[in-house]
């Protein structure tokens, strides 16, 4: 829970008892819980509105991917996992191009040479 251990939680409870007193502590805890629920609901609504506004092209969009640290970690670890599983991005490309049916060149293919065009 937020990276806190038991000693930190006990210290926070003792400080809360000293600040609020035993009479008002349950009310303060209840108010804090309501505030956290409201904040979580507002964040979820904002995320859902963003996904709805972006449309179906960005259905798998995650706002956490906008953080550069998460972006780099996601793309670097995906490449590492492919290498660990015995498949690299280079070996996966020819099959993807061959199955797509487009005029794009596959991995390692030599483009056609047109002497009239050069």
Protein backbone atom coordinates (compact mmCIF):
# COMPACT_ATOMS: atom_id res chain seq x y z
CA UNK A 1 0.00 0.00 0.00
CA UNK A 2 1.85 3.12 -1.28
CA UNK A 3 5.19 1.50 -0.45
CA UNK A 4 4.60 1.82 3.30
CA UNK A 5 5.60 -0.87 5.74
CA UNK A 6 3.97 -1.72 9.04
CA UNK A 7 6.16 0.64 11.14
CA UNK A 8 5.23 3.61 8.92
CA UNK A 9 1.51 2.75 9.08
CA UNK A 10 1.62 2.48 12.89
CA UNK A 11 3.44 5.82 13.08
CA UNK A 12 0.78 7.46 10.87
CA UNK A 13 -2.04 6.06 13.05
CA UNK A 14 -0.36 7.38 16.21
CA UNK A 15 0.13 10.81 14.62
CA UNK A 16 -3.51 10.83 13.46
CA UNK A 17 -4.67 9.97 17.01
CA UNK A 18 -2.60 12.84 18.39
CA UNK A 19 -3.81 15.34 15.78
CA UNK A 20 -7.50 14.46 15.57
CA UNK A 21 -8.07 12.78 18.91
CA UNK A 22 -9.98 9.54 19.43
CA UNK A 23 -13.40 11.25 19.07
CA UNK A 24 -12.89 12.82 15.65
CA UNK A 25 -10.59 10.17 14.10
CA UNK A 26 -13.42 7.98 12.71
CA UNK A 27 -15.04 11.04 11.09
CA UNK A 28 -11.72 12.13 9.58
CA UNK A 29 -11.05 8.62 8.25
CA UNK A 30 -14.55 8.47 6.75
CA UNK A 31 -14.10 11.85 5.07
CA UNK A 32 -10.68 10.81 3.70
CA UNK A 33 -12.19 7.60 2.28
CA UNK A 34 -15.01 9.53 0.58
CA UNK A 35 -12.53 11.99 -0.89
CA UNK A 36 -10.35 9.19 -2.28
CA UNK A 37 -13.38 7.45 -3.81
CA UNK A 38 -14.47 10.72 -5.46
CA UNK A 39 -10.99 11.37 -6.84
CA UNK A 40 -10.74 7.81 -8.20
CA UNK A 41 -14.18 8.11 -9.83
CA UNK A 42 -13.27 11.47 -11.41
CA UNK A 43 -10.00 10.05 -12.78
CA UNK A 44 -11.78 7.00 -14.24
CA UNK A 45 -14.44 9.22 -15.82
CA UNK A 46 -11.78 11.47 -17.35
CA UNK A 47 -9.92 8.45 -18.76
CA UNK A 48 -13.15 7.01 -20.21
CA UNK A 49 -14.08 10.39 -21.75
CA UNK A 50 -10.62 10.61 -23.33
CA UNK A 51 -10.92 7.13 -24.82
CA UNK A 52 -14.42 7.89 -26.12
CA UNK A 53 -13.26 11.18 -27.64
CA UNK A 54 -10.29 9.60 -29.39
CA UNK A 55 -12.47 7.04 -31.14
CA UNK A 56 -11.97 3.41 -32.07
CA UNK A 57 -8.49 3.94 -33.52
CA UNK A 58 -7.16 4.51 -29.99
CA UNK A 59 -9.23 1.89 -28.15
CA UNK A 60 -6.08 0.38 -26.61
CA UNK A 61 -4.70 3.80 -25.58
CA UNK A 62 -3.38 3.97 -22.03
CA UNK A 63 -2.52 7.43 -20.63
CA UNK A 64 0.34 5.84 -18.65
CA UNK A 65 2.07 5.20 -22.01
CA UNK A 66 2.58 8.96 -22.35
CA UNK A 67 5.14 8.80 -19.55
CA UNK A 68 8.51 8.48 -21.33
CA UNK A 69 9.80 6.05 -18.71
CA UNK A 70 6.85 3.68 -19.26
CA UNK A 71 7.07 4.08 -23.03
CA UNK A 72 10.75 3.13 -23.16
CA UNK A 73 10.32 0.27 -20.69
CA UNK A 74 7.36 -1.13 -22.64
CA UNK A 75 9.15 -1.11 -25.99
CA UNK A 76 12.53 -2.27 -24.72
CA UNK A 77 11.13 -5.14 -22.67
CA UNK A 78 8.96 -6.28 -25.59
CA UNK A 79 12.10 -6.63 -27.73
CA UNK A 80 13.94 -8.42 -24.94
CA UNK A 81 11.06 -10.84 -24.38
CA UNK A 82 11.03 -11.64 -28.11
CA UNK A 83 14.77 -12.33 -27.98
CA UNK A 84 14.39 -14.53 -24.90
CA UNK A 85 11.60 -16.50 -26.53
CA UNK A 86 13.84 -17.22 -29.52
CA UNK A 87 12.02 -14.91 -31.93
CA UNK A 88 13.35 -11.49 -32.77
CA UNK A 89 11.66 -8.63 -34.54
CA UNK A 90 13.86 -9.30 -37.59
CA UNK A 91 12.61 -12.88 -37.98
CA UNK A 92 8.99 -11.86 -37.46
CA UNK A 93 9.00 -9.19 -40.18
CA UNK A 94 9.23 -11.41 -43.30
CA UNK A 95 6.20 -13.43 -42.31
CA UNK A 96 4.20 -10.31 -41.56
CA UNK A 97 5.05 -8.74 -44.92
CA UNK A 98 4.46 -11.93 -46.85
CA UNK A 99 1.03 -12.40 -45.30
CA UNK A 100 -0.06 -8.77 -45.71
CA UNK A 101 -0.39 -9.03 -49.51
CA UNK A 102 0.96 -5.50 -50.08
CA UNK A 103 3.68 -4.35 -52.46
CA UNK A 104 6.04 -3.67 -49.58
CA UNK A 105 9.37 -5.42 -49.55
CA UNK A 106 9.95 -8.15 -47.01
CA UNK A 107 12.97 -8.34 -44.77
CA UNK A 108 16.08 -8.98 -46.88
CA UNK A 109 14.33 -8.54 -50.24
CA UNK A 110 16.12 -6.55 -52.92
CA UNK A 111 14.03 -3.88 -54.62
CA UNK A 112 13.46 -4.27 -58.34
CA UNK A 113 15.84 -2.30 -60.57
CA UNK A 114 14.39 -0.24 -63.39
CA UNK A 115 17.12 1.04 -65.74
CA UNK A 116 14.67 3.37 -67.53
CA UNK A 117 13.72 5.13 -64.30
CA UNK A 118 17.29 5.87 -63.24
